[in-house]
Amino acid sequence: MHELPIVKSMFDICMRHATANSVKKIIAVNLKVGEVSDLQDEWIQRYFDFLARGTIVEGARLKIERVPLVVRCQKCSESFAVDIRQGKTVECPKCQATEFAYVSGREYTVDSLEVV
């Protein structure tokens, strides 16, 4: 259920841009969702469909691109991708440090709209 407020925010962004650009119909919404995000594609689509009923977005297909986790080493500033499915301790490939800052992989954004 935690997806609903996030999906509502994305829906509102779509409607705002559609209104500002006199869009008649949104046919697809391209989203970027971080790999580390716990948002589930199925629930994003379900909530989006619920919110879209009776609007110019009704029937729009969500195209969800997963953004990989990239971190920056706090010690040497090296940035690198992390495969979270490996389940092992992450070390910087350059200096072997284990403290990082997120660069990408936690976001959820509306990348673009396909409209008519």
C-alpha atoms as a PDB file:
ATOM      1  CA  MET A   1       0.000   0.000   0.000  1.00  0.00           C
ATOM      2  CA  HIS A   2       2.998   2.310   0.387  1.00  0.00           C
ATOM      3  CA  GLU A   3       3.107   2.618  -3.406  1.00  0.00           C
ATOM      4  CA  LEU A   4      -0.126   4.654  -3.514  1.00  0.00           C
ATOM      5  CA  PRO A   5       1.246   8.061  -2.374  1.00  0.00           C
ATOM      6  CA  ILE A   6       4.255   7.689  -4.676  1.00  0.00           C
ATOM      7  CA  VAL A   7       2.109   6.672  -7.643  1.00  0.00           C
ATOM      8  CA  LYS A   8      -0.287   9.543  -6.860  1.00  0.00           C
ATOM      9  CA  SER A   9       2.651  11.939  -7.065  1.00  0.00           C
ATOM     10  CA  MET A  10       3.717  10.503 -10.446  1.00  0.00           C
ATOM     11  CA  PHE A  11       0.116  10.649 -11.684  1.00  0.00           C
ATOM     12  CA  ASP A  12      -0.148  14.306 -10.625  1.00  0.00           C
ATOM     13  CA  ILE A  13       3.051  15.110 -12.543  1.00  0.00           C
ATOM     14  CA  CYS A  14       1.567  13.504 -15.682  1.00  0.00           C
ATOM     15  CA  MET A  15      -1.668  15.466 -15.339  1.00  0.00           C
ATOM     16  CA  ARG A  16       0.148  18.750 -14.690  1.00  0.00           C
ATOM     17  CA  HIS A  17       2.305  18.371 -17.820  1.00  0.00           C
ATOM     18  CA  ALA A  18      -0.646  17.222 -19.908  1.00  0.00           C
ATOM     19  CA  THR A  19      -2.725  20.213 -18.860  1.00  0.00           C
ATOM     20  CA  ALA A  20       0.120  22.682 -19.427  1.00  0.00           C
ATOM     21  CA  ASN A  21       0.654  21.320 -22.947  1.00  0.00           C
ATOM     22  CA  SER A  22      -2.993  20.846 -24.009  1.00  0.00           C
ATOM     23  CA  VAL A  23      -2.582  17.081 -24.340  1.00  0.00           C
ATOM     24  CA  LYS A  24      -5.710  15.207 -25.432  1.00  0.00           C
ATOM     25  CA  LYS A  25      -4.640  11.710 -24.345  1.00  0.00           C
ATOM     26  CA  ILE A  26      -1.650  10.111 -22.603  1.00  0.00           C
ATOM     27  CA  ILE A  27      -1.036   6.677 -24.086  1.00  0.00           C
ATOM     28  CA  ALA A  28       2.118   5.703 -22.211  1.00  0.00           C
ATOM     29  CA  VAL A  29       4.170   6.891 -19.258  1.00  0.00           C
ATOM     30  CA  ASN A  30       7.880   6.124 -19.127  1.00  0.00           C
ATOM     31  CA  LEU A  31       9.090   5.755 -15.552  1.00  0.00           C
ATOM     32  CA  LYS A  32      12.523   5.265 -14.085  1.00  0.00           C
ATOM     33  CA  VAL A  33      12.436   3.310 -10.836  1.00  0.00           C
ATOM     34  CA  GLY A  34      15.550   2.553  -8.821  1.00  0.00           C
ATOM     35  CA  GLU A  35      16.584  -1.057  -8.420  1.00  0.00           C
ATOM     36  CA  VAL A  36      16.822  -0.589  -4.644  1.00  0.00           C
ATOM     37  CA  SER A  37      13.336   0.904  -4.458  1.00  0.00           C
ATOM     38  CA  ASP A  38      10.852  -1.513  -2.964  1.00  0.00           C
ATOM     39  CA  LEU A  39       8.144  -0.407  -5.408  1.00  0.00           C
ATOM     40  CA  GLN A  40       6.596  -3.372  -7.211  1.00  0.00           C
ATOM     41  CA  ASP A  41       5.805  -2.936 -10.920  1.00  0.00           C
ATOM     42  CA  GLU A  42       2.447  -4.714 -10.633  1.00  0.00           C
ATOM     43  CA  TRP A  43       1.250  -2.432  -7.827  1.00  0.00           C
ATOM     44  CA  ILE A  44       2.526   0.695  -9.523  1.00  0.00           C
ATOM     45  CA  GLN A  45       0.386  -0.185 -12.559  1.00  0.00           C
ATOM     46  CA  ARG A  46      -2.666  -1.124 -10.440  1.00  0.00           C
ATOM     47  CA  TYR A  47      -2.624   2.103  -8.459  1.00  0.00           C
ATOM     48  CA  PHE A  48      -1.938   4.146 -11.572  1.00  0.00           C
ATOM     49  CA  ASP A  49      -4.926   2.522 -13.325  1.00  0.00           C
ATOM     50  CA  PHE A  50      -7.103   3.273 -10.286  1.00  0.00           C
ATOM     51  CA  LEU A  51      -6.103   6.951 -10.267  1.00  0.00           C
ATOM     52  CA  ALA A  52      -6.426   7.281 -14.057  1.00  0.00           C
ATOM     53  CA  ARG A  53     -10.072   6.178 -14.273  1.00  0.00           C
ATOM     54  CA  GLY A  54     -12.131   8.795 -16.066  1.00  0.00           C
ATOM     55  CA  THR A  55      -9.122  10.961 -17.004  1.00  0.00           C
ATOM     56  CA  ILE A  56      -7.036  11.497 -20.143  1.00  0.00           C
ATOM     57  CA  VAL A  57      -4.578   9.003 -18.681  1.00  0.00           C
ATOM     58  CA  GLU A  58      -7.046   6.119 -18.496  1.00  0.00           C
ATOM     59  CA  GLY A  59      -5.656   3.088 -20.325  1.00  0.00           C
ATOM     60  CA  ALA A  60      -2.096   4.436 -20.428  1.00  0.00           C
ATOM     61  CA  ARG A  61       0.607   1.815 -20.319  1.00  0.00           C
ATOM     62  CA  LEU A  62       3.417   2.248 -17.837  1.00  0.00           C
ATOM     63  CA  LYS A  63       6.872   1.459 -19.169  1.00  0.00           C
ATOM     64  CA  ILE A  64       9.091   0.931 -16.164  1.00  0.00           C
ATOM     65  CA  GLU A  65      12.860   1.041 -16.549  1.00  0.00           C
ATOM     66  CA  ARG A  66      14.819  -0.149 -13.518  1.00  0.00           C
ATOM     67  CA  VAL A  67      17.794   2.087 -12.705  1.00  0.00           C
ATOM     68  CA  PRO A  68      20.820   0.160 -11.385  1.00  0.00           C
ATOM     69  CA  LEU A  69      22.315   0.868  -7.989  1.00  0.00           C
ATOM     70  CA  VAL A  70      25.426   3.041  -8.307  1.00  0.00           C
ATOM     71  CA  VAL A  71      27.359   4.162  -5.256  1.00  0.00           C
ATOM     72  CA  ARG A  72      30.292   6.524  -4.623  1.00  0.00           C
ATOM     73  CA  CYS A  73      33.052   5.532  -2.226  1.00  0.00           C
ATOM     74  CA  GLN A  74      33.277   7.909   0.738  1.00  0.00           C
ATOM     75  CA  LYS A  75      37.039   7.382   0.932  1.00  0.00           C
ATOM     76  CA  CYS A  76      38.300   7.724  -2.655  1.00  0.00           C
ATOM     77  CA  SER A  77      35.191   9.016  -4.545  1.00  0.00           C
ATOM     78  CA  GLU A  78      35.174   6.099  -7.004  1.00  0.00           C
ATOM     79  CA  SER A  79      31.679   5.459  -8.417  1.00  0.00           C
ATOM     80  CA  PHE A  80      30.617   1.944  -9.366  1.00  0.00           C
ATOM     81  CA  ALA A  81      27.552  -0.234  -9.944  1.00  0.00           C
ATOM     82  CA  VAL A  82      26.496  -2.745  -7.316  1.00  0.00           C
ATOM     83  CA  ASP A  83      24.563  -5.950  -7.999  1.00  0.00           C
ATOM     84  CA  ILE A  84      22.264  -6.159  -4.983  1.00  0.00           C
ATOM     85  CA  ARG A  85      21.265  -9.732  -5.853  1.00  0.00           C
ATOM     86  CA  GLN A  86      24.719 -11.028  -4.947  1.00  0.00           C
ATOM     87  CA  GLY A  87      24.053 -10.460  -1.259  1.00  0.00           C
ATOM     88  CA  LYS A  88      27.706 -10.061  -0.381  1.00  0.00           C
ATOM     89  CA  THR A  89      29.562  -7.258   1.367  1.00  0.00           C
ATOM     90  CA  VAL A  90      30.247  -4.417  -1.028  1.00  0.00           C
ATOM     91  CA  GLU A  91      33.794  -3.095  -1.277  1.00  0.00           C
ATOM     92  CA  CYS A  92      35.149  -0.286  -3.400  1.00  0.00           C
ATOM     93  CA  PRO A  93      37.014  -1.845  -6.344  1.00  0.00           C
ATOM     94  CA  LYS A  94      39.677   0.866  -6.091  1.00  0.00           C
ATOM     95  CA  CYS A  95      40.441   1.110  -2.343  1.00  0.00           C
ATOM     96  CA  GLN A  96      38.341  -1.688  -0.724  1.00  0.00           C
ATOM     97  CA  ALA A  97      36.513   0.767   1.589  1.00  0.00           C
ATOM     98  CA  THR A  98      32.988  -0.158   2.670  1.00  0.00           C
ATOM     99  CA  GLU A  99      31.290   3.222   3.202  1.00  0.00           C
ATOM    100  CA  PHE A 100      29.313   4.667   0.304  1.00  0.00           C
ATOM    101  CA  ALA A 101      26.816   7.308  -0.764  1.00  0.00           C
ATOM    102  CA  TYR A 102      24.026   6.508  -3.220  1.00  0.00           C
ATOM    103  CA  VAL A 103      24.393   7.988  -6.696  1.00  0.00           C
ATOM    104  CA  SER A 104      21.416   6.220  -8.271  1.00  0.00           C
ATOM    105  CA  GLY A 105      19.148   3.270  -7.725  1.00  0.00           C
ATOM    106  CA  ARG A 106      16.686   4.668  -5.177  1.00  0.00           C
ATOM    107  CA  GLU A 107      14.798   7.125  -7.369  1.00  0.00           C
ATOM    108  CA  TYR A 108      11.395   7.029  -9.003  1.00  0.00           C
ATOM    109  CA  THR A 109      10.755   9.588 -11.723  1.00  0.00           C
ATOM    110  CA  VAL A 110       8.469  10.284 -14.661  1.00  0.00           C
ATOM    111  CA  ASP A 111      10.946  10.263 -17.538  1.00  0.00           C
ATOM    112  CA  SER A 112       8.583  11.066 -20.405  1.00  0.00           C
ATOM    113  CA  LEU A 113       5.014  10.841 -21.674  1.00  0.00           C
ATOM    114  CA  GLU A 114       3.743   9.447 -24.951  1.00  0.00           C
ATOM    115  CA  VAL A 115       0.763  11.556 -25.968  1.00  0.00           C
ATOM    116  CA  VAL A 116      -1.642  12.363 -28.769  1.00  0.00           C
END
